[in-house]
């Protein structure tokens, strides 16, 4: 999300009052959140793409997930033998 000019100006004014050590901490804080946002967006995109796959399996419980994994590994083993 791109902040509006007012927000950017406000942040710039606040940064002028901070010590170099605090600015370093702010940079690390922003970098952390930017990375989390990037990872989240990637996860959402991959999840939406996976939902469009015809091979997707919808599971309602953890047991169903484990059953699907077991069946898939058995299928792979049969194909590779």
N, C-alpha and C. Protein backbone atom coordinates (compact mmCIF):
# COMPACT_ATOMS: atom_id res chain seq x y z
N UNK A 1 0.84 -1.17 0.00
CA UNK A 1 0.00 0.00 0.00
C UNK A 1 0.89 1.24 0.00
N UNK A 2 0.56 2.19 -0.80
CA UNK A 2 1.32 3.43 -0.87
C UNK A 2 0.62 4.46 0.01
N UNK A 3 1.40 5.03 0.93
CA UNK A 3 0.83 6.03 1.81
C UNK A 3 0.60 7.32 1.03
N UNK A 4 -0.31 8.13 1.53
CA UNK A 4 -0.54 9.41 0.87
C UNK A 4 0.58 10.38 1.24
N UNK A 5 0.66 11.49 0.54
CA UNK A 5 1.74 12.46 0.76
C UNK A 5 1.78 12.98 2.18
N UNK A 6 0.60 13.16 2.78
CA UNK A 6 0.56 13.64 4.16
C UNK A 6 1.27 12.67 5.10
N UNK A 7 1.00 11.38 4.94
CA UNK A 7 1.64 10.37 5.79
C UNK A 7 3.15 10.38 5.60
N UNK A 8 3.59 10.48 4.37
CA UNK A 8 5.02 10.48 4.08
C UNK A 8 5.69 11.70 4.70
N UNK A 9 5.07 12.86 4.55
CA UNK A 9 5.61 14.09 5.15
C UNK A 9 5.68 13.97 6.67
N UNK A 10 4.64 13.42 7.25
CA UNK A 10 4.60 13.25 8.71
C UNK A 10 5.71 12.34 9.19
N UNK A 11 5.92 11.24 8.48
CA UNK A 11 6.99 10.30 8.84
C UNK A 11 8.35 10.97 8.68
N UNK A 12 8.55 11.70 7.60
CA UNK A 12 9.82 12.40 7.39
C UNK A 12 10.11 13.38 8.52
N UNK A 13 9.09 14.10 8.96
CA UNK A 13 9.27 15.05 10.06
C UNK A 13 9.64 14.33 11.36
N UNK A 14 9.01 13.20 11.62
CA UNK A 14 9.32 12.44 12.83
C UNK A 14 10.73 11.88 12.78
N UNK A 15 11.16 11.42 11.60
CA UNK A 15 12.50 10.84 11.47
C UNK A 15 13.59 11.86 11.79
N UNK A 16 13.35 13.12 11.50
CA UNK A 16 14.34 14.17 11.76
C UNK A 16 14.64 14.31 13.24
N UNK A 17 13.72 13.89 14.09
CA UNK A 17 13.89 14.03 15.53
C UNK A 17 14.55 12.83 16.18
N UNK A 18 14.76 11.76 15.43
CA UNK A 18 15.28 10.52 16.01
C UNK A 18 16.80 10.46 15.96
N UNK A 19 17.35 9.72 16.92
CA UNK A 19 18.79 9.50 16.95
C UNK A 19 19.17 8.49 15.87
N UNK A 20 20.45 8.46 15.48
CA UNK A 20 20.88 7.47 14.48
C UNK A 20 20.60 6.03 14.91
N UNK A 21 20.74 5.74 16.21
CA UNK A 21 20.47 4.39 16.70
C UNK A 21 18.99 4.03 16.54
N UNK A 22 18.14 4.98 16.84
CA UNK A 22 16.70 4.74 16.71
C UNK A 22 16.31 4.59 15.25
N UNK A 23 16.93 5.38 14.38
CA UNK A 23 16.65 5.25 12.94
C UNK A 23 17.06 3.86 12.45
N UNK A 24 18.18 3.35 12.96
CA UNK A 24 18.60 1.99 12.60
C UNK A 24 17.56 0.97 13.04
N UNK A 25 17.02 1.16 14.25
CA UNK A 25 15.99 0.25 14.74
C UNK A 25 14.72 0.37 13.91
N UNK A 26 14.37 1.58 13.50
CA UNK A 26 13.17 1.79 12.68
C UNK A 26 13.34 1.11 11.32
N UNK A 27 14.53 1.22 10.75
CA UNK A 27 14.80 0.57 9.47
C UNK A 27 14.62 -0.94 9.59
N UNK A 28 15.17 -1.52 10.66
CA UNK A 28 15.03 -2.97 10.87
C UNK A 28 13.56 -3.34 11.06
N UNK A 29 12.82 -2.53 11.79
CA UNK A 29 11.40 -2.78 12.03
C UNK A 29 10.62 -2.75 10.72
N UNK A 30 10.87 -1.74 9.90
CA UNK A 30 10.18 -1.63 8.62
C UNK A 30 10.57 -2.77 7.70
N UNK A 31 11.85 -3.12 7.68
CA UNK A 31 12.30 -4.23 6.82
C UNK A 31 11.62 -5.54 7.23
N UNK A 32 11.50 -5.76 8.53
CA UNK A 32 10.82 -6.96 9.03
C UNK A 32 9.38 -7.01 8.53
N UNK A 33 8.67 -5.90 8.70
CA UNK A 33 7.26 -5.88 8.28
C UNK A 33 7.11 -5.95 6.77
N UNK A 34 8.01 -5.35 6.04
CA UNK A 34 7.95 -5.44 4.57
C UNK A 34 8.17 -6.89 4.13
N UNK A 35 9.10 -7.58 4.79
CA UNK A 35 9.34 -8.99 4.46
C UNK A 35 8.13 -9.84 4.80
N UNK A 36 7.52 -9.61 5.96
CA UNK A 36 6.32 -10.37 6.34
C UNK A 36 5.19 -10.13 5.34
N UNK A 37 5.03 -8.88 4.90
CA UNK A 37 3.98 -8.55 3.93
C UNK A 37 4.25 -9.25 2.60
N UNK A 38 5.53 -9.24 2.17
CA UNK A 38 5.89 -9.90 0.92
C UNK A 38 5.61 -11.40 1.01
N UNK A 39 6.00 -12.02 2.13
CA UNK A 39 5.76 -13.45 2.31
C UNK A 39 4.26 -13.77 2.34
N UNK A 40 3.50 -12.92 3.01
CA UNK A 40 2.06 -13.14 3.09
C UNK A 40 1.43 -13.05 1.70
N UNK A 41 1.81 -12.03 0.94
CA UNK A 41 1.26 -11.87 -0.41
C UNK A 41 1.62 -13.06 -1.30
N UNK A 42 2.85 -13.57 -1.15
CA UNK A 42 3.26 -14.74 -1.92
C UNK A 42 2.42 -15.96 -1.51
N UNK A 43 2.22 -16.13 -0.21
CA UNK A 43 1.40 -17.24 0.29
C UNK A 43 -0.02 -17.17 -0.26
N UNK A 44 -0.60 -15.98 -0.23
CA UNK A 44 -1.97 -15.80 -0.73
C UNK A 44 -2.03 -16.14 -2.21
N UNK A 45 -1.07 -15.64 -2.99
CA UNK A 45 -1.06 -15.92 -4.42
C UNK A 45 -0.91 -17.42 -4.69
N UNK A 46 -0.02 -18.09 -3.97
CA UNK A 46 0.17 -19.53 -4.15
C UNK A 46 -1.07 -20.30 -3.73
N UNK A 47 -1.71 -19.88 -2.66
CA UNK A 47 -2.92 -20.55 -2.19
C UNK A 47 -4.05 -20.41 -3.20
N UNK A 48 -4.23 -19.20 -3.71
CA UNK A 48 -5.27 -18.99 -4.72
C UNK A 48 -4.99 -19.79 -5.98
N UNK A 49 -3.73 -19.87 -6.38
CA UNK A 49 -3.36 -20.66 -7.56
C UNK A 49 -3.62 -22.14 -7.31
N UNK A 50 -3.29 -22.62 -6.11
CA UNK A 50 -3.51 -24.03 -5.78
C UNK A 50 -4.99 -24.37 -5.77
N UNK A 51 -5.82 -23.44 -5.35
CA UNK A 51 -7.26 -23.69 -5.35
C UNK A 51 -7.81 -23.85 -6.76
N UNK A 52 -7.12 -23.30 -7.74
CA UNK A 52 -7.57 -23.41 -9.12
C UNK A 52 -7.12 -24.72 -9.77
N UNK A 53 -6.22 -25.44 -9.14
CA UNK A 53 -5.71 -26.69 -9.69
C UNK A 53 -6.77 -27.78 -9.61
N UNK A 54 -7.00 -28.50 -10.70
CA UNK A 54 -8.00 -29.57 -10.65
C UNK A 54 -7.56 -30.74 -9.77
N UNK A 55 -6.26 -30.83 -9.50
CA UNK A 55 -5.75 -31.93 -8.68
C UNK A 55 -5.83 -31.63 -7.18
N UNK A 56 -6.36 -30.48 -6.84
CA UNK A 56 -6.44 -30.10 -5.43
C UNK A 56 -7.37 -31.04 -4.68
N UNK A 57 -7.02 -31.30 -3.43
CA UNK A 57 -7.85 -32.12 -2.56
C UNK A 57 -8.28 -31.25 -1.40
N UNK A 58 -9.56 -31.18 -1.17
CA UNK A 58 -10.09 -30.39 -0.06
C UNK A 58 -10.26 -31.32 1.14
N UNK A 59 -9.63 -30.95 2.25
CA UNK A 59 -9.71 -31.75 3.46
C UNK A 59 -10.33 -30.90 4.57
N UNK A 60 -11.22 -31.52 5.32
CA UNK A 60 -11.89 -30.81 6.40
C UNK A 60 -11.26 -31.05 7.76
N UNK A 61 -10.45 -32.09 7.87
CA UNK A 61 -9.83 -32.40 9.16
C UNK A 61 -8.37 -32.77 8.94
N UNK A 62 -7.63 -32.76 10.03
CA UNK A 62 -6.22 -33.15 9.97
C UNK A 62 -6.09 -34.62 9.57
N UNK A 63 -7.05 -35.44 10.00
CA UNK A 63 -7.01 -36.85 9.64
C UNK A 63 -7.15 -37.03 8.13
N UNK A 64 -8.03 -36.24 7.52
CA UNK A 64 -8.20 -36.31 6.07
C UNK A 64 -6.92 -35.87 5.35
N UNK A 65 -6.25 -34.89 5.90
CA UNK A 65 -4.98 -34.45 5.31
C UNK A 65 -3.96 -35.59 5.35
N UNK A 66 -3.84 -36.23 6.51
CA UNK A 66 -2.87 -37.33 6.66
C UNK A 66 -3.23 -38.48 5.73
N UNK A 67 -4.50 -38.79 5.59
CA UNK A 67 -4.95 -39.85 4.67
C UNK A 67 -4.58 -39.51 3.23
N UNK A 68 -4.78 -38.26 2.84
CA UNK A 68 -4.43 -37.83 1.48
C UNK A 68 -2.94 -37.94 1.25
N UNK A 69 -2.14 -37.56 2.25
CA UNK A 69 -0.69 -37.67 2.12
C UNK A 69 -0.27 -39.12 1.98
N UNK A 70 -0.84 -39.99 2.81
CA UNK A 70 -0.50 -41.42 2.73
C UNK A 70 -0.86 -41.99 1.36
N UNK A 71 -2.05 -41.66 0.88
CA UNK A 71 -2.47 -42.15 -0.43
C UNK A 71 -1.56 -41.63 -1.54
N UNK A 72 -1.18 -40.36 -1.45
CA UNK A 72 -0.32 -39.77 -2.46
C UNK A 72 1.06 -40.44 -2.47
N UNK A 73 1.63 -40.68 -1.27
CA UNK A 73 2.95 -41.30 -1.23
C UNK A 73 2.89 -42.74 -1.73
N UNK A 74 1.78 -43.43 -1.49
CA UNK A 74 1.62 -44.79 -2.02
C UNK A 74 1.54 -44.75 -3.54
N UNK A 75 0.82 -43.78 -4.10
CA UNK A 75 0.73 -43.65 -5.56
C UNK A 75 2.08 -43.36 -6.18
N UNK A 76 2.83 -42.48 -5.56
CA UNK A 76 4.16 -42.14 -6.05
C UNK A 76 5.07 -43.36 -6.00
N UNK A 77 4.99 -44.13 -4.92
CA UNK A 77 5.81 -45.32 -4.78
C UNK A 77 5.48 -46.34 -5.89
N UNK A 78 4.18 -46.49 -6.20
CA UNK A 78 3.78 -47.41 -7.25
C UNK A 78 4.28 -46.96 -8.61
N UNK A 79 4.23 -45.69 -8.87
CA UNK A 79 4.69 -45.15 -10.16
C UNK A 79 6.20 -45.33 -10.30
N UNK A 80 6.93 -45.14 -9.22
CA UNK A 80 8.39 -45.21 -9.27
C UNK A 80 8.92 -46.65 -9.21
N UNK A 81 8.08 -47.63 -8.94
CA UNK A 81 8.59 -49.01 -8.85
C UNK A 81 8.49 -49.75 -10.16
